[in-house]
Amino acid sequence: MAEKKSYWTTPHPEGWAVKGEGNERATSVHSTQAEAWAETQQRARQNESEAYLQNRQGQIRERNTYGHDPEKTKG
């Protein structure tokens, strides 16, 4: 089975980009971070993968996992 691709919301010269992990080109470009993040989450849900939100400095601000999460552990 193919490996599930994570999706990223990253800064882009024209606003904010949605990119599939490993892709050099943006899947789409949005004028606001909120629009790009909504699409990133939607794509991650559809593929049961992870969504990452970066700030302008490239640091991860938020991360969501969709699909099969590992079982909860004590602690």
N, C-alpha and C. Protein backbone atom coordinates (compact mmCIF):
# COMPACT_ATOMS: atom_id res chain seq x y z
N MET A 1 0.84 -1.18 0.00
CA MET A 1 0.00 0.00 0.00
C MET A 1 0.89 1.25 0.00
N ALA A 2 0.44 2.27 -0.69
CA ALA A 2 1.22 3.50 -0.78
C ALA A 2 1.27 4.22 0.56
N GLU A 3 2.39 4.88 0.79
CA GLU A 3 2.55 5.66 2.02
C GLU A 3 1.67 6.90 1.95
N LYS A 4 1.07 7.26 3.08
CA LYS A 4 0.18 8.42 3.12
C LYS A 4 0.99 9.71 3.18
N LYS A 5 0.60 10.67 2.35
CA LYS A 5 1.32 11.93 2.23
C LYS A 5 0.76 12.96 3.21
N SER A 6 1.63 13.60 3.96
CA SER A 6 1.24 14.69 4.84
C SER A 6 1.10 15.97 4.03
N TYR A 7 0.33 16.91 4.55
CA TYR A 7 0.11 18.19 3.88
C TYR A 7 0.54 19.34 4.78
N TRP A 8 1.07 20.37 4.16
CA TRP A 8 1.65 21.51 4.88
C TRP A 8 1.03 22.82 4.41
N THR A 9 0.81 23.74 5.35
CA THR A 9 0.50 25.13 5.04
C THR A 9 1.80 25.89 5.30
N THR A 10 2.33 26.50 4.25
CA THR A 10 3.62 27.18 4.35
C THR A 10 3.53 28.60 3.77
N PRO A 11 4.43 29.49 4.23
CA PRO A 11 4.47 30.83 3.64
C PRO A 11 4.82 30.75 2.16
N HIS A 12 4.27 31.68 1.39
CA HIS A 12 4.49 31.72 -0.06
C HIS A 12 4.60 33.19 -0.45
N PRO A 13 5.38 33.54 -1.47
CA PRO A 13 5.49 34.94 -1.87
C PRO A 13 4.15 35.62 -2.18
N GLU A 14 3.15 34.82 -2.59
CA GLU A 14 1.84 35.38 -2.93
C GLU A 14 0.81 35.16 -1.82
N GLY A 15 1.24 34.74 -0.64
CA GLY A 15 0.32 34.49 0.48
C GLY A 15 0.72 33.24 1.24
N TRP A 16 -0.14 32.21 1.17
CA TRP A 16 0.09 30.95 1.87
C TRP A 16 -0.15 29.79 0.91
N ALA A 17 0.73 28.80 0.97
CA ALA A 17 0.64 27.66 0.06
C ALA A 17 0.24 26.39 0.79
N VAL A 18 -0.48 25.53 0.08
CA VAL A 18 -0.76 24.18 0.52
C VAL A 18 0.16 23.28 -0.30
N LYS A 19 0.95 22.46 0.39
CA LYS A 19 1.90 21.58 -0.30
C LYS A 19 1.79 20.17 0.24
N GLY A 20 1.87 19.21 -0.66
CA GLY A 20 1.98 17.82 -0.25
C GLY A 20 3.42 17.55 0.12
N GLU A 21 3.63 16.74 1.14
CA GLU A 21 4.99 16.45 1.59
C GLU A 21 5.82 15.88 0.45
N GLY A 22 6.99 16.45 0.26
CA GLY A 22 7.90 16.01 -0.79
C GLY A 22 7.72 16.75 -2.10
N ASN A 23 6.65 17.51 -2.25
CA ASN A 23 6.41 18.28 -3.47
C ASN A 23 7.19 19.59 -3.43
N GLU A 24 7.76 19.96 -4.55
CA GLU A 24 8.45 21.24 -4.64
C GLU A 24 7.47 22.36 -4.96
N ARG A 25 6.46 22.06 -5.77
CA ARG A 25 5.47 23.07 -6.16
C ARG A 25 4.27 23.02 -5.24
N ALA A 26 3.63 24.17 -5.08
CA ALA A 26 2.44 24.27 -4.24
C ALA A 26 1.26 23.61 -4.94
N THR A 27 0.42 22.94 -4.16
CA THR A 27 -0.82 22.39 -4.68
C THR A 27 -1.80 23.52 -4.96
N SER A 28 -1.83 24.50 -4.05
CA SER A 28 -2.66 25.69 -4.23
C SER A 28 -2.06 26.83 -3.42
N VAL A 29 -2.43 28.07 -3.78
CA VAL A 29 -1.95 29.26 -3.08
C VAL A 29 -3.18 30.08 -2.67
N HIS A 30 -3.18 30.58 -1.43
CA HIS A 30 -4.30 31.32 -0.88
C HIS A 30 -3.81 32.66 -0.34
N SER A 31 -4.71 33.63 -0.28
CA SER A 31 -4.33 34.95 0.21
C SER A 31 -4.23 34.99 1.73
N THR A 32 -4.95 34.10 2.44
CA THR A 32 -4.87 34.09 3.90
C THR A 32 -4.40 32.73 4.41
N GLN A 33 -3.80 32.78 5.58
CA GLN A 33 -3.34 31.55 6.22
C GLN A 33 -4.53 30.66 6.58
N ALA A 34 -5.63 31.26 7.02
CA ALA A 34 -6.82 30.50 7.41
C ALA A 34 -7.38 29.69 6.25
N GLU A 35 -7.44 30.28 5.06
CA GLU A 35 -7.94 29.57 3.88
C GLU A 35 -7.03 28.39 3.54
N ALA A 36 -5.73 28.63 3.56
CA ALA A 36 -4.77 27.57 3.24
C ALA A 36 -4.83 26.46 4.28
N TRP A 37 -4.94 26.82 5.56
CA TRP A 37 -4.99 25.82 6.64
C TRP A 37 -6.25 24.95 6.52
N ALA A 38 -7.38 25.57 6.15
CA ALA A 38 -8.62 24.81 5.98
C ALA A 38 -8.47 23.77 4.87
N GLU A 39 -7.84 24.14 3.76
CA GLU A 39 -7.63 23.19 2.67
C GLU A 39 -6.64 22.10 3.07
N THR A 40 -5.58 22.49 3.79
CA THR A 40 -4.59 21.51 4.25
C THR A 40 -5.27 20.45 5.11
N GLN A 41 -6.11 20.89 6.04
CA GLN A 41 -6.81 19.96 6.92
C GLN A 41 -7.76 19.06 6.13
N GLN A 42 -8.44 19.61 5.16
CA GLN A 42 -9.37 18.84 4.34
C GLN A 42 -8.62 17.75 3.58
N ARG A 43 -7.51 18.10 2.96
CA ARG A 43 -6.72 17.11 2.21
C ARG A 43 -6.18 16.02 3.14
N ALA A 44 -5.72 16.41 4.32
CA ALA A 44 -5.20 15.43 5.28
C ALA A 44 -6.31 14.48 5.75
N ARG A 45 -7.51 15.02 5.97
CA ARG A 45 -8.65 14.17 6.37
C ARG A 45 -8.97 13.16 5.27
N GLN A 46 -9.01 13.61 4.02
CA GLN A 46 -9.34 12.75 2.89
C GLN A 46 -8.32 11.62 2.74
N ASN A 47 -7.06 11.91 3.06
CA ASN A 47 -6.00 10.92 2.89
C ASN A 47 -5.61 10.23 4.20
N GLU A 48 -6.35 10.55 5.28
CA GLU A 48 -6.04 10.00 6.60
C GLU A 48 -4.55 10.13 6.91
N SER A 49 -4.08 11.37 6.85
CA SER A 49 -2.66 11.66 7.08
C SER A 49 -2.53 12.81 8.08
N GLU A 50 -1.42 13.54 8.01
CA GLU A 50 -1.16 14.62 8.95
C GLU A 50 -1.18 15.98 8.25
N ALA A 51 -1.58 17.00 9.02
CA ALA A 51 -1.60 18.38 8.53
C ALA A 51 -0.68 19.20 9.42
N TYR A 52 0.18 20.01 8.79
CA TYR A 52 1.13 20.86 9.51
C TYR A 52 0.89 22.31 9.12
N LEU A 53 0.95 23.20 10.10
CA LEU A 53 0.81 24.64 9.88
C LEU A 53 2.10 25.30 10.32
N GLN A 54 2.76 25.99 9.37
CA GLN A 54 4.00 26.70 9.68
C GLN A 54 3.71 28.19 9.83
N ASN A 55 4.54 28.87 10.65
CA ASN A 55 4.45 30.33 10.73
C ASN A 55 5.41 30.92 9.69
N ARG A 56 5.50 32.22 9.64
CA ARG A 56 6.35 32.89 8.63
C ARG A 56 7.83 32.56 8.79
N GLN A 57 8.24 32.16 9.99
CA GLN A 57 9.65 31.80 10.23
C GLN A 57 9.92 30.32 9.93
N GLY A 58 8.90 29.58 9.51
CA GLY A 58 9.08 28.19 9.15
C GLY A 58 8.92 27.21 10.31
N GLN A 59 8.55 27.71 11.49
CA GLN A 59 8.35 26.84 12.65
C GLN A 59 6.94 26.26 12.61
N ILE A 60 6.80 25.02 13.08
CA ILE A 60 5.48 24.39 13.11
C ILE A 60 4.67 25.00 14.24
N ARG A 61 3.51 25.59 13.90
CA ARG A 61 2.60 26.19 14.88
C ARG A 61 1.57 25.19 15.36
N GLU A 62 1.13 24.32 14.45
CA GLU A 62 0.07 23.38 14.78
C GLU A 62 0.23 22.13 13.94
N ARG A 63 -0.23 21.01 14.50
CA ARG A 63 -0.13 19.73 13.79
C ARG A 63 -1.35 18.91 14.16
N ASN A 64 -2.02 18.35 13.16
CA ASN A 64 -3.18 17.50 13.39
C ASN A 64 -3.00 16.19 12.65
N THR A 65 -3.41 15.11 13.29
CA THR A 65 -3.37 13.78 12.68
C THR A 65 -4.80 13.34 12.42
N TYR A 66 -5.06 12.84 11.23
CA TYR A 66 -6.39 12.35 10.87
C TYR A 66 -6.26 10.89 10.47
N GLY A 67 -7.28 10.12 10.77
CA GLY A 67 -7.25 8.71 10.41
C GLY A 67 -6.94 7.86 11.61
N HIS A 68 -6.08 6.90 11.43
CA HIS A 68 -5.77 5.92 12.48
C HIS A 68 -4.76 6.48 13.46
N ASP A 69 -5.23 6.87 14.64
CA ASP A 69 -4.35 7.34 15.70
C ASP A 69 -3.92 6.14 16.55
N PRO A 70 -2.71 6.18 17.07
CA PRO A 70 -2.28 5.09 17.95
C PRO A 70 -3.16 5.05 19.21
N GLU A 71 -3.23 3.86 19.81
CA GLU A 71 -4.02 3.72 21.03
C GLU A 71 -3.49 4.63 22.13
N LYS A 72 -4.42 5.08 22.98
CA LYS A 72 -4.01 5.92 24.10
C LYS A 72 -3.20 5.09 25.09
N THR A 73 -2.20 5.72 25.67
CA THR A 73 -1.37 5.06 26.66
C THR A 73 -1.53 5.74 28.01
N LYS A 74 -1.24 5.02 29.06
CA LYS A 74 -1.33 5.61 30.40
C LYS A 74 -0.24 6.65 30.56
N GLY A 75 -0.54 7.67 31.35
CA GLY A 75 0.50 8.64 31.68
C GLY A 75 0.20 9.98 31.33
